[in-house]
All heavy atoms as atom14 arrays in JSON, in Angstrom:
{
  "sequence": "MIEYLKLKSFISIYPLKEEDFYQKDIVEKLKKAFHTIQPFI",
  "atom14_mask": [
    [1, 1, 1, 1, 1, 1, 1, 1, 0, 0, 0, 0, 0, 0],
    [1, 1, 1, 1, 1, 1, 1, 1, 0, 0, 0, 0, 0, 0],
    [1, 1, 1, 1, 1, 1, 1, 1, 1, 0, 0, 0, 0, 0],
    [1, 1, 1, 1, 1, 1, 1, 1, 1, 1, 1, 1, 0, 0],
    [1, 1, 1, 1, 1, 1, 1, 1, 0, 0, 0, 0, 0, 0],
    [1, 1, 1, 1, 1, 1, 1, 1, 1, 0, 0, 0, 0, 0],
    [1, 1, 1, 1, 1, 1, 1, 1, 0, 0, 0, 0, 0, 0],
    [1, 1, 1, 1, 1, 1, 1, 1, 1, 0, 0, 0, 0, 0],
    [1, 1, 1, 1, 1, 1, 0, 0, 0, 0, 0, 0, 0, 0],
    [1, 1, 1, 1, 1, 1, 1, 1, 1, 1, 1, 0, 0, 0],
    [1, 1, 1, 1, 1, 1, 1, 1, 0, 0, 0, 0, 0, 0],
    [1, 1, 1, 1, 1, 1, 0, 0, 0, 0, 0, 0, 0, 0],
    [1, 1, 1, 1, 1, 1, 1, 1, 0, 0, 0, 0, 0, 0],
    [1, 1, 1, 1, 1, 1, 1, 1, 1, 1, 1, 1, 0, 0],
    [1, 1, 1, 1, 1, 1, 1, 0, 0, 0, 0, 0, 0, 0],
    [1, 1, 1, 1, 1, 1, 1, 1, 0, 0, 0, 0, 0, 0],
    [1, 1, 1, 1, 1, 1, 1, 1, 1, 0, 0, 0, 0, 0],
    [1, 1, 1, 1, 1, 1, 1, 1, 1, 0, 0, 0, 0, 0],
    [1, 1, 1, 1, 1, 1, 1, 1, 1, 0, 0, 0, 0, 0],
    [1, 1, 1, 1, 1, 1, 1, 1, 0, 0, 0, 0, 0, 0],
    [1, 1, 1, 1, 1, 1, 1, 1, 1, 1, 1, 0, 0, 0],
    [1, 1, 1, 1, 1, 1, 1, 1, 1, 1, 1, 1, 0, 0],
    [1, 1, 1, 1, 1, 1, 1, 1, 1, 0, 0, 0, 0, 0],
    [1, 1, 1, 1, 1, 1, 1, 1, 1, 0, 0, 0, 0, 0],
    [1, 1, 1, 1, 1, 1, 1, 1, 0, 0, 0, 0, 0, 0],
    [1, 1, 1, 1, 1, 1, 1, 1, 0, 0, 0, 0, 0, 0],
    [1, 1, 1, 1, 1, 1, 1, 0, 0, 0, 0, 0, 0, 0],
    [1, 1, 1, 1, 1, 1, 1, 1, 1, 0, 0, 0, 0, 0],
    [1, 1, 1, 1, 1, 1, 1, 1, 1, 0, 0, 0, 0, 0],
    [1, 1, 1, 1, 1, 1, 1, 1, 0, 0, 0, 0, 0, 0],
    [1, 1, 1, 1, 1, 1, 1, 1, 1, 0, 0, 0, 0, 0],
    [1, 1, 1, 1, 1, 1, 1, 1, 1, 0, 0, 0, 0, 0],
    [1, 1, 1, 1, 1, 0, 0, 0, 0, 0, 0, 0, 0, 0],
    [1, 1, 1, 1, 1, 1, 1, 1, 1, 1, 1, 0, 0, 0],
    [1, 1, 1, 1, 1, 1, 1, 1, 1, 1, 0, 0, 0, 0],
    [1, 1, 1, 1, 1, 1, 1, 0, 0, 0, 0, 0, 0, 0],
    [1, 1, 1, 1, 1, 1, 1, 1, 0, 0, 0, 0, 0, 0],
    [1, 1, 1, 1, 1, 1, 1, 1, 1, 0, 0, 0, 0, 0],
    [1, 1, 1, 1, 1, 1, 1, 0, 0, 0, 0, 0, 0, 0],
    [1, 1, 1, 1, 1, 1, 1, 1, 1, 1, 1, 0, 0, 0],
    [1, 1, 1, 1, 1, 1, 1, 1, 0, 0, 0, 0, 0, 0]
  ],
  "atom14_positions": [
    [[-56.82, 144.79, 77.64], [-57.03, 145.82, 78.7], [-58.4, 145.72, 79.33], [-58.84, 146.69, 79.97], [-56.82, 147.22, 78.11], [-55.45, 147.5, 77.59], [-54.18, 147.55, 78.86], [-54.53, 149.21, 79.56], [0.0, 0.0, 0.0], [0.0, 0.0, 0.0], [0.0, 0.0, 0.0], [0.0, 0.0, 0.0], [0.0, 0.0, 0.0], [0.0, 0.0, 0.0]],
    [[-59.05, 144.6, 79.18], [-60.46, 144.44, 79.55], [-60.66, 144.74, 81.07], [-61.74, 145.31, 81.45], [-61.03, 143.09, 79.25], [-62.53, 143.06, 79.3], [-60.47, 141.96, 80.04], [-63.19, 144.03, 78.31], [0.0, 0.0, 0.0], [0.0, 0.0, 0.0], [0.0, 0.0, 0.0], [0.0, 0.0, 0.0], [0.0, 0.0, 0.0], [0.0, 0.0, 0.0]],
    [[-59.72, 144.36, 81.92], [-59.95, 144.63, 83.38], [-60.03, 146.14, 83.68], [-60.74, 146.5, 84.64], [-58.82, 144.05, 84.21], [-57.48, 144.67, 83.97], [-56.47, 144.12, 85.0], [-56.69, 144.27, 86.23], [-55.37, 143.58, 84.55], [0.0, 0.0, 0.0], [0.0, 0.0, 0.0], [0.0, 0.0, 0.0], [0.0, 0.0, 0.0], [0.0, 0.0, 0.0]],
    [[-59.44, 146.98, 82.83], [-59.53, 148.38, 83.03], [-60.72, 148.99, 82.25], [-61.34, 149.95, 82.68], [-58.23, 149.12, 82.56], [-57.04, 148.53, 83.22], [-56.08, 147.81, 82.56], [-56.79, 148.74, 84.6], [-54.96, 147.24, 83.16], [-55.68, 148.28, 85.24], [-54.72, 147.54, 84.52], [-53.63, 146.98, 85.16], [0.0, 0.0, 0.0], [0.0, 0.0, 0.0]],
    [[-61.03, 148.43, 81.07], [-62.13, 148.95, 80.27], [-63.47, 148.66, 80.96], [-64.46, 149.29, 80.66], [-62.09, 148.2, 78.87], [-60.85, 148.61, 78.06], [-60.85, 147.75, 76.79], [-60.8, 150.06, 77.73], [0.0, 0.0, 0.0], [0.0, 0.0, 0.0], [0.0, 0.0, 0.0], [0.0, 0.0, 0.0], [0.0, 0.0, 0.0], [0.0, 0.0, 0.0]],
    [[-63.52, 147.62, 81.84], [-64.77, 147.33, 82.57], [-65.06, 148.26, 83.68], [-66.15, 148.26, 84.29], [-64.72, 145.87, 83.03], [-64.86, 144.83, 81.98], [-64.49, 143.43, 82.43], [-65.41, 142.9, 83.47], [-65.06, 141.47, 83.87], [0.0, 0.0, 0.0], [0.0, 0.0, 0.0], [0.0, 0.0, 0.0], [0.0, 0.0, 0.0], [0.0, 0.0, 0.0]],
    [[-64.07, 149.11, 84.1], [-64.27, 149.98, 85.19], [-65.35, 151.01, 84.89], [-65.5, 151.52, 83.83], [-62.99, 150.64, 85.58], [-61.82, 149.81, 86.06], [-60.55, 150.63, 86.28], [-62.25, 149.09, 87.41], [0.0, 0.0, 0.0], [0.0, 0.0, 0.0], [0.0, 0.0, 0.0], [0.0, 0.0, 0.0], [0.0, 0.0, 0.0], [0.0, 0.0, 0.0]],
    [[-66.16, 151.32, 85.96], [-67.1, 152.46, 85.9], [-66.66, 153.59, 86.64], [-67.17, 154.75, 86.43], [-68.45, 151.9, 86.43], [-69.11, 150.78, 85.64], [-70.45, 150.45, 86.12], [-70.45, 149.77, 87.49], [-71.83, 149.42, 87.97], [0.0, 0.0, 0.0], [0.0, 0.0, 0.0], [0.0, 0.0, 0.0], [0.0, 0.0, 0.0], [0.0, 0.0, 0.0]],
    [[-65.74, 153.43, 87.54], [-65.04, 154.57, 88.22], [-63.56, 154.41, 88.02], [-63.03, 153.3, 87.83], [-65.33, 154.49, 89.74], [-66.69, 154.78, 90.04], [0.0, 0.0, 0.0], [0.0, 0.0, 0.0], [0.0, 0.0, 0.0], [0.0, 0.0, 0.0], [0.0, 0.0, 0.0], [0.0, 0.0, 0.0], [0.0, 0.0, 0.0], [0.0, 0.0, 0.0]],
    [[-62.87, 155.56, 87.96], [-61.44, 155.5, 87.72], [-60.79, 156.29, 88.87], [-60.51, 157.41, 88.8], [-61.12, 156.11, 86.32], [-61.75, 155.36, 85.23], [-63.11, 155.64, 84.81], [-61.13, 154.32, 84.6], [-63.69, 155.0, 83.81], [-61.73, 153.63, 83.54], [-63.0, 153.97, 83.18], [0.0, 0.0, 0.0], [0.0, 0.0, 0.0], [0.0, 0.0, 0.0]],
    [[-60.54, 155.53, 89.99], [-60.05, 156.14, 91.21], [-58.79, 155.4, 91.69], [-58.78, 154.16, 91.79], [-61.11, 156.12, 92.31], [-62.36, 156.82, 91.82], [-60.58, 156.78, 93.57], [-63.53, 156.65, 92.8], [0.0, 0.0, 0.0], [0.0, 0.0, 0.0], [0.0, 0.0, 0.0], [0.0, 0.0, 0.0], [0.0, 0.0, 0.0], [0.0, 0.0, 0.0]],
    [[-57.83, 156.2, 92.08], [-56.62, 155.65, 92.76], [-56.76, 155.94, 94.23], [-57.09, 156.99, 94.63], [-55.35, 156.32, 92.22], [-55.13, 155.91, 90.89], [0.0, 0.0, 0.0], [0.0, 0.0, 0.0], [0.0, 0.0, 0.0], [0.0, 0.0, 0.0], [0.0, 0.0, 0.0], [0.0, 0.0, 0.0], [0.0, 0.0, 0.0], [0.0, 0.0, 0.0]],
    [[-56.53, 154.85, 95.04], [-56.73, 154.93, 96.49], [-55.42, 154.75, 97.23], [-54.76, 153.8, 96.94], [-57.76, 153.93, 97.0], [-59.12, 154.06, 96.33], [-57.86, 153.96, 98.48], [-59.81, 155.33, 96.64], [0.0, 0.0, 0.0], [0.0, 0.0, 0.0], [0.0, 0.0, 0.0], [0.0, 0.0, 0.0], [0.0, 0.0, 0.0], [0.0, 0.0, 0.0]],
    [[-55.18, 155.67, 98.14], [-53.97, 155.58, 99.05], [-54.56, 155.43, 100.46], [-55.0, 156.32, 101.09], [-53.19, 156.89, 98.94], [-52.02, 157.01, 99.85], [-51.39, 155.95, 100.42], [-51.61, 158.33, 100.22], [-50.33, 156.13, 101.29], [-50.54, 158.51, 101.13], [-49.89, 157.46, 101.63], [-48.87, 157.6, 102.52], [0.0, 0.0, 0.0], [0.0, 0.0, 0.0]],
    [[-54.49, 154.14, 100.98], [-55.0, 153.92, 102.36], [-54.15, 154.57, 103.41], [-52.95, 154.64, 103.31], [-54.89, 152.34, 102.43], [-54.67, 151.82, 101.1], [-53.96, 152.95, 100.37], [0.0, 0.0, 0.0], [0.0, 0.0, 0.0], [0.0, 0.0, 0.0], [0.0, 0.0, 0.0], [0.0, 0.0, 0.0], [0.0, 0.0, 0.0], [0.0, 0.0, 0.0]],
    [[-54.83, 155.16, 104.4], [-54.23, 155.82, 105.52], [-54.76, 155.29, 106.84], [-55.87, 154.73, 106.86], [-54.33, 157.29, 105.4], [-53.64, 157.97, 104.2], [-54.3, 159.32, 103.98], [-52.18, 158.15, 104.52], [0.0, 0.0, 0.0], [0.0, 0.0, 0.0], [0.0, 0.0, 0.0], [0.0, 0.0, 0.0], [0.0, 0.0, 0.0], [0.0, 0.0, 0.0]],
    [[-54.03, 155.49, 107.95], [-54.51, 155.07, 109.22], [-54.8, 156.37, 109.99], [-54.23, 157.4, 109.81], [-53.44, 154.29, 109.98], [-53.03, 152.97, 109.25], [-51.93, 152.29, 110.04], [-51.51, 150.99, 109.32], [-50.38, 150.35, 110.05], [0.0, 0.0, 0.0], [0.0, 0.0, 0.0], [0.0, 0.0, 0.0], [0.0, 0.0, 0.0], [0.0, 0.0, 0.0]],
    [[-55.72, 156.16, 111.01], [-55.99, 157.3, 111.85], [-54.74, 157.85, 112.48], [-54.57, 159.08, 112.59], [-57.05, 156.9, 112.95], [-57.36, 157.91, 113.96], [-58.36, 157.44, 115.02], [-59.16, 156.52, 114.74], [-58.29, 157.96, 116.12], [0.0, 0.0, 0.0], [0.0, 0.0, 0.0], [0.0, 0.0, 0.0], [0.0, 0.0, 0.0], [0.0, 0.0, 0.0]],
    [[-53.93, 156.95, 112.93], [-52.64, 157.31, 113.59], [-51.72, 158.2, 112.68], [-50.93, 159.05, 113.21], [-51.9, 156.06, 114.07], [-52.58, 155.31, 115.17], [-53.81, 154.52, 114.71], [-53.85, 154.2, 113.49], [-54.64, 154.16, 115.57], [0.0, 0.0, 0.0], [0.0, 0.0, 0.0], [0.0, 0.0, 0.0], [0.0, 0.0, 0.0], [0.0, 0.0, 0.0]],
    [[-51.84, 158.04, 111.41], [-51.12, 158.88, 110.52], [-51.36, 160.34, 110.69], [-50.43, 161.19, 110.54], [-51.31, 158.51, 109.05], [-50.83, 157.12, 108.68], [-49.81, 156.68, 109.32], [-51.41, 156.52, 107.8], [0.0, 0.0, 0.0], [0.0, 0.0, 0.0], [0.0, 0.0, 0.0], [0.0, 0.0, 0.0], [0.0, 0.0, 0.0], [0.0, 0.0, 0.0]],
    [[-52.55, 160.69, 110.98], [-52.96, 162.13, 111.16], [-52.53, 162.66, 112.5], [-52.55, 163.94, 112.64], [-54.5, 162.22, 111.0], [-54.91, 161.94, 109.61], [-55.24, 160.64, 109.19], [-54.91, 162.95, 108.64], [-55.64, 160.44, 107.91], [-55.33, 162.7, 107.34], [-55.65, 161.45, 106.91], [0.0, 0.0, 0.0], [0.0, 0.0, 0.0], [0.0, 0.0, 0.0]],
    [[-52.0, 161.88, 113.4], [-51.5, 162.4, 114.66], [-49.99, 162.68, 114.5], [-49.38, 163.26, 115.44], [-51.7, 161.4, 115.81], [-53.09, 160.99, 116.04], [-53.48, 159.74, 116.51], [-54.17, 161.91, 115.73], [-54.82, 159.38, 116.71], [-55.47, 161.56, 115.92], [-55.8, 160.32, 116.41], [-57.11, 159.95, 116.59], [0.0, 0.0, 0.0], [0.0, 0.0, 0.0]],
    [[-49.38, 162.3, 113.4], [-47.95, 162.54, 113.23], [-47.68, 163.86, 112.59], [-48.48, 164.36, 111.72], [-47.38, 161.4, 112.38], [-47.68, 159.99, 112.89], [-47.18, 159.76, 114.33], [-46.07, 160.14, 114.68], [-48.03, 159.18, 115.14], [0.0, 0.0, 0.0], [0.0, 0.0, 0.0], [0.0, 0.0, 0.0], [0.0, 0.0, 0.0], [0.0, 0.0, 0.0]],
    [[-46.47, 164.41, 112.85], [-46.11, 165.73, 112.38], [-45.8, 165.7, 110.87], [-45.85, 166.72, 110.17], [-44.85, 166.28, 113.11], [-45.09, 166.6, 114.55], [-43.85, 167.16, 115.22], [-44.09, 167.46, 116.66], [-42.85, 168.0, 117.33], [0.0, 0.0, 0.0], [0.0, 0.0, 0.0], [0.0, 0.0, 0.0], [0.0, 0.0, 0.0], [0.0, 0.0, 0.0]],
    [[-45.59, 164.49, 110.28], [-45.21, 164.38, 108.86], [-46.41, 164.13, 107.99], [-46.28, 163.81, 106.81], [-44.16, 163.26, 108.69], [-44.73, 161.9, 108.94], [-45.8, 161.77, 109.56], [-44.06, 160.93, 108.5], [0.0, 0.0, 0.0], [0.0, 0.0, 0.0], [0.0, 0.0, 0.0], [0.0, 0.0, 0.0], [0.0, 0.0, 0.0], [0.0, 0.0, 0.0]],
    [[-47.66, 164.3, 108.52], [-48.82, 163.96, 107.65], [-48.92, 164.84, 106.42], [-49.28, 164.4, 105.34], [-50.1, 164.04, 108.54], [-51.3, 163.73, 107.64], [-50.33, 165.42, 109.1], [-51.27, 162.27, 107.08], [0.0, 0.0, 0.0], [0.0, 0.0, 0.0], [0.0, 0.0, 0.0], [0.0, 0.0, 0.0], [0.0, 0.0, 0.0], [0.0, 0.0, 0.0]],
    [[-48.45, 166.14, 106.54], [-48.58, 166.97, 105.35], [-47.56, 166.54, 104.32], [-47.82, 166.53, 103.16], [-48.35, 168.5, 105.81], [-48.14, 169.38, 104.5], [-49.55, 169.0, 106.57], [0.0, 0.0, 0.0], [0.0, 0.0, 0.0], [0.0, 0.0, 0.0], [0.0, 0.0, 0.0], [0.0, 0.0, 0.0], [0.0, 0.0, 0.0], [0.0, 0.0, 0.0]],
    [[-46.32, 166.19, 104.88], [-45.28, 165.72, 103.84], [-45.7, 164.34, 103.23], [-45.47, 164.13, 102.06], [-44.0, 165.48, 104.63], [-43.21, 166.75, 104.86], [-42.81, 167.46, 103.55], [-42.26, 166.76, 102.69], [-42.99, 168.62, 103.48], [0.0, 0.0, 0.0], [0.0, 0.0, 0.0], [0.0, 0.0, 0.0], [0.0, 0.0, 0.0], [0.0, 0.0, 0.0]],
    [[-46.4, 163.55, 104.01], [-46.91, 162.21, 103.5], [-47.91, 162.46, 102.33], [-47.86, 161.86, 101.3], [-47.54, 161.45, 104.63], [-47.91, 160.03, 104.27], [-48.61, 159.32, 105.42], [-47.65, 159.05, 106.56], [-46.86, 157.85, 106.38], [0.0, 0.0, 0.0], [0.0, 0.0, 0.0], [0.0, 0.0, 0.0], [0.0, 0.0, 0.0], [0.0, 0.0, 0.0]],
    [[-48.85, 163.42, 102.53], [-49.83, 163.77, 101.56], [-49.24, 164.53, 100.35], [-49.63, 164.39, 99.22], [-51.01, 164.52, 102.15], [-51.85, 163.61, 103.04], [-52.83, 164.45, 103.85], [-52.63, 162.64, 102.21], [0.0, 0.0, 0.0], [0.0, 0.0, 0.0], [0.0, 0.0, 0.0], [0.0, 0.0, 0.0], [0.0, 0.0, 0.0], [0.0, 0.0, 0.0]],
    [[-48.22, 165.36, 100.69], [-47.52, 166.06, 99.59], [-46.91, 165.03, 98.64], [-46.98, 165.21, 97.43], [-46.37, 166.97, 100.19], [-45.53, 167.64, 99.16], [-44.45, 168.43, 99.75], [-43.5, 169.1, 98.81], [-42.43, 169.84, 99.44], [0.0, 0.0, 0.0], [0.0, 0.0, 0.0], [0.0, 0.0, 0.0], [0.0, 0.0, 0.0], [0.0, 0.0, 0.0]],
    [[-46.26, 164.02, 99.16], [-45.72, 162.92, 98.37], [-46.83, 162.25, 97.52], [-46.61, 161.95, 96.32], [-44.98, 161.89, 99.23], [-44.3, 160.8, 98.46], [-43.61, 159.86, 99.4], [-42.92, 158.72, 98.58], [-42.2, 157.79, 99.49], [0.0, 0.0, 0.0], [0.0, 0.0, 0.0], [0.0, 0.0, 0.0], [0.0, 0.0, 0.0], [0.0, 0.0, 0.0]],
    [[-47.98, 162.06, 98.09], [-49.05, 161.41, 97.38], [-49.59, 162.33, 96.28], [-49.88, 161.83, 95.14], [-50.23, 161.2, 98.37], [0.0, 0.0, 0.0], [0.0, 0.0, 0.0], [0.0, 0.0, 0.0], [0.0, 0.0, 0.0], [0.0, 0.0, 0.0], [0.0, 0.0, 0.0], [0.0, 0.0, 0.0], [0.0, 0.0, 0.0], [0.0, 0.0, 0.0]],
    [[-49.62, 163.68, 96.5], [-50.06, 164.62, 95.49], [-49.05, 164.55, 94.26], [-49.52, 164.56, 93.14], [-50.0, 166.05, 96.02], [-51.05, 166.36, 97.06], [-50.8, 167.47, 97.96], [-52.15, 165.64, 97.22], [-51.73, 167.74, 98.9], [-53.07, 165.92, 98.2], [-52.88, 167.03, 99.01], [0.0, 0.0, 0.0], [0.0, 0.0, 0.0], [0.0, 0.0, 0.0]],
    [[-47.73, 164.46, 94.51], [-46.74, 164.3, 93.5], [-46.98, 163.02, 92.71], [-46.98, 162.98, 91.49], [-45.35, 164.34, 94.08], [-44.74, 165.67, 94.1], [-44.44, 166.43, 92.97], [-44.4, 166.46, 95.15], [-43.86, 167.55, 93.35], [-43.81, 167.64, 94.64], [0.0, 0.0, 0.0], [0.0, 0.0, 0.0], [0.0, 0.0, 0.0], [0.0, 0.0, 0.0]],
    [[-47.13, 161.94, 93.48], [-47.12, 160.58, 92.85], [-48.38, 160.38, 91.97], [-48.27, 159.68, 90.99], [-47.15, 159.49, 93.98], [-46.01, 159.72, 94.81], [-47.1, 158.1, 93.43], [0.0, 0.0, 0.0], [0.0, 0.0, 0.0], [0.0, 0.0, 0.0], [0.0, 0.0, 0.0], [0.0, 0.0, 0.0], [0.0, 0.0, 0.0], [0.0, 0.0, 0.0]],
    [[-49.49, 161.01, 92.33], [-50.72, 160.77, 91.57], [-50.84, 161.65, 90.32], [-51.73, 161.43, 89.48], [-51.92, 161.03, 92.49], [-53.17, 160.25, 91.97], [-52.26, 162.48, 92.64], [-52.94, 158.71, 91.82], [0.0, 0.0, 0.0], [0.0, 0.0, 0.0], [0.0, 0.0, 0.0], [0.0, 0.0, 0.0], [0.0, 0.0, 0.0], [0.0, 0.0, 0.0]],
    [[-49.93, 162.6, 90.11], [-50.05, 163.5, 88.94], [-50.11, 162.77, 87.62], [-50.96, 163.14, 86.79], [-48.96, 164.53, 89.0], [-49.1, 165.62, 90.04], [-50.48, 166.24, 90.04], [-50.89, 166.87, 89.09], [-51.19, 166.04, 91.14], [0.0, 0.0, 0.0], [0.0, 0.0, 0.0], [0.0, 0.0, 0.0], [0.0, 0.0, 0.0], [0.0, 0.0, 0.0]],
    [[-49.24, 161.78, 87.39], [-49.41, 161.11, 85.95], [-50.75, 160.55, 85.79], [-51.33, 160.55, 84.67], [-48.33, 160.05, 86.05], [-47.33, 160.63, 86.99], [-48.1, 161.28, 88.04], [0.0, 0.0, 0.0], [0.0, 0.0, 0.0], [0.0, 0.0, 0.0], [0.0, 0.0, 0.0], [0.0, 0.0, 0.0], [0.0, 0.0, 0.0], [0.0, 0.0, 0.0]],
    [[-51.37, 160.02, 86.85], [-52.74, 159.41, 86.72], [-53.73, 160.55, 86.47], [-54.59, 160.43, 85.52], [-53.09, 158.72, 88.02], [-54.44, 158.06, 88.1], [-54.65, 156.89, 87.34], [-55.46, 158.61, 88.82], [-55.94, 156.28, 87.33], [-56.69, 157.96, 88.86], [-56.92, 156.8, 88.14], [0.0, 0.0, 0.0], [0.0, 0.0, 0.0], [0.0, 0.0, 0.0]],
    [[-53.64, 161.6, 87.16], [-54.6, 162.8, 86.95], [-54.39, 163.33, 85.53], [-55.35, 163.64, 84.81], [-54.32, 163.9, 87.96], [-54.75, 163.45, 89.34], [-54.96, 165.21, 87.57], [-56.22, 163.32, 89.48], [0.0, 0.0, 0.0], [0.0, 0.0, 0.0], [0.0, 0.0, 0.0], [0.0, 0.0, 0.0], [0.0, 0.0, 0.0], [0.0, 0.0, 0.0]]
  ]
}
């Protein structure tokens, strides 16, 4: 597990585009991300 044990920060990143925030489904998109990241948290 050395690649994980060497980490100094433990962050999961979900890349987004500026255009995503102009769409009506941005809240639903982030809601899905909130759900998905719970096991990590």
